[in-house]
Amino acid sequence: MNTLKINGTEKKFDKLPSTLVELLDEMKINHATIVAEIDGEIIGRDDFHQTAINTGQQIELIRFVGGG
């Protein structure tokens, strides 16, 4: 079983998404409203398509929320 720690919670995958975009799509998260950090490194939005995901990584996903 493949696991990732996403926002502090361990999540298991039968088939691990191969890229950050695939992970976000699987989690139904809009790419335009998210900041992603993998193992302590912030990933630029332009790099989401080419950023590989590997089992055991720690991923932080932060959403922008409008308001006032």
C-alpha atoms as a PDB file:
ATOM      1  CA  MET A   1       0.000   0.000   0.000  1.00  0.00           C
ATOM      2  CA  ASN A   2       1.300   3.449  -0.924  1.00  0.00           C
ATOM      3  CA  THR A   3       1.040   6.187   1.686  1.00  0.00           C
ATOM      4  CA  LEU A   4       1.457   9.949   1.769  1.00  0.00           C
ATOM      5  CA  LYS A   5       1.180  12.278   4.738  1.00  0.00           C
ATOM      6  CA  ILE A   6      -1.079  15.097   3.563  1.00  0.00           C
ATOM      7  CA  ASN A   7      -1.562  18.040   5.931  1.00  0.00           C
ATOM      8  CA  GLY A   8      -0.464  15.834   8.818  1.00  0.00           C
ATOM      9  CA  THR A   9      -2.831  12.955   8.031  1.00  0.00           C
ATOM     10  CA  GLU A  10      -1.656   9.668   6.540  1.00  0.00           C
ATOM     11  CA  LYS A  11      -3.551   8.819   3.344  1.00  0.00           C
ATOM     12  CA  LYS A  12      -3.294   5.416   1.651  1.00  0.00           C
ATOM     13  CA  PHE A  13      -3.525   4.829  -2.093  1.00  0.00           C
ATOM     14  CA  ASP A  14      -3.956   1.585  -4.020  1.00  0.00           C
ATOM     15  CA  LYS A  15      -2.242   3.320  -6.949  1.00  0.00           C
ATOM     16  CA  LEU A  16      -0.168   6.356  -6.041  1.00  0.00           C
ATOM     17  CA  PRO A  17      -0.742   9.388  -8.313  1.00  0.00           C
ATOM     18  CA  SER A  18       2.411   9.922 -10.371  1.00  0.00           C
ATOM     19  CA  THR A  19       2.424  13.740 -10.299  1.00  0.00           C
ATOM     20  CA  LEU A  20       1.205  16.527  -8.063  1.00  0.00           C
ATOM     21  CA  VAL A  21      -1.481  17.432 -10.642  1.00  0.00           C
ATOM     22  CA  GLU A  22      -2.820  13.860 -10.554  1.00  0.00           C
ATOM     23  CA  LEU A  23      -2.939  13.992  -6.743  1.00  0.00           C
ATOM     24  CA  LEU A  24      -4.806  17.314  -6.761  1.00  0.00           C
ATOM     25  CA  ASP A  25      -7.240  16.033  -9.405  1.00  0.00           C
ATOM     26  CA  GLU A  26      -7.880  12.860  -7.400  1.00  0.00           C
ATOM     27  CA  MET A  27      -8.549  14.972  -4.304  1.00  0.00           C
ATOM     28  CA  LYS A  28     -10.759  17.340  -6.380  1.00  0.00           C
ATOM     29  CA  ILE A  29      -8.638  20.383  -5.508  1.00  0.00           C
ATOM     30  CA  ASN A  30      -8.461  23.361  -7.882  1.00  0.00           C
ATOM     31  CA  HIS A  31      -4.798  23.882  -8.860  1.00  0.00           C
ATOM     32  CA  ALA A  32      -5.234  27.652  -9.110  1.00  0.00           C
ATOM     33  CA  THR A  33      -6.215  28.079  -5.455  1.00  0.00           C
ATOM     34  CA  ILE A  34      -3.506  26.001  -3.791  1.00  0.00           C
ATOM     35  CA  VAL A  35       0.051  26.350  -2.555  1.00  0.00           C
ATOM     36  CA  ALA A  36       1.865  23.028  -2.321  1.00  0.00           C
ATOM     37  CA  GLU A  37       4.879  22.021  -0.262  1.00  0.00           C
ATOM     38  CA  ILE A  38       6.508  18.602  -0.567  1.00  0.00           C
ATOM     39  CA  ASP A  39       9.040  17.513   2.043  1.00  0.00           C
ATOM     40  CA  GLY A  40       9.601  21.134   3.070  1.00  0.00           C
ATOM     41  CA  GLU A  41      10.039  22.518  -0.470  1.00  0.00           C
ATOM     42  CA  ILE A  42       7.442  24.867  -1.969  1.00  0.00           C
ATOM     43  CA  ILE A  43       6.466  23.756  -5.462  1.00  0.00           C
ATOM     44  CA  GLY A  44       5.769  26.450  -8.056  1.00  0.00           C
ATOM     45  CA  ARG A  45       2.381  26.145  -9.731  1.00  0.00           C
ATOM     46  CA  ASP A  46       4.099  25.887 -13.143  1.00  0.00           C
ATOM     47  CA  ASP A  47       5.877  22.754 -11.868  1.00  0.00           C
ATOM     48  CA  PHE A  48       2.776  20.876 -10.626  1.00  0.00           C
ATOM     49  CA  HIS A  49       2.555  18.819 -13.863  1.00  0.00           C
ATOM     50  CA  GLN A  50       6.137  17.592 -13.670  1.00  0.00           C
ATOM     51  CA  THR A  51       6.517  17.151  -9.905  1.00  0.00           C
ATOM     52  CA  ALA A  52       6.707  13.420  -9.184  1.00  0.00           C
ATOM     53  CA  ILE A  53       4.965  11.961  -6.147  1.00  0.00           C
ATOM     54  CA  ASN A  54       6.674   9.170  -4.204  1.00  0.00           C
ATOM     55  CA  THR A  55       5.366   7.049  -1.359  1.00  0.00           C
ATOM     56  CA  GLY A  56       6.223   8.356   2.097  1.00  0.00           C
ATOM     57  CA  GLN A  57       6.381  12.021   1.154  1.00  0.00           C
ATOM     58  CA  GLN A  58       4.997  14.731   3.422  1.00  0.00           C
ATOM     59  CA  ILE A  59       2.752  17.104   1.514  1.00  0.00           C
ATOM     60  CA  GLU A  60       1.191  20.318   2.759  1.00  0.00           C
ATOM     61  CA  LEU A  61      -1.644  21.815   0.712  1.00  0.00           C
ATOM     62  CA  ILE A  62      -2.758  25.331   1.612  1.00  0.00           C
ATOM     63  CA  ARG A  63      -5.849  26.865   0.033  1.00  0.00           C
ATOM     64  CA  PHE A  64      -6.358  30.544  -0.633  1.00  0.00           C
ATOM     65  CA  VAL A  65      -9.681  31.772   0.704  1.00  0.00           C
ATOM     66  CA  GLY A  66     -11.119  35.133  -0.264  1.00  0.00           C
ATOM     67  CA  GLY A  67     -12.850  37.295   2.238  1.00  0.00           C
ATOM     68  CA  GLY A  68     -12.706  40.518   4.033  1.00  0.00           C
END
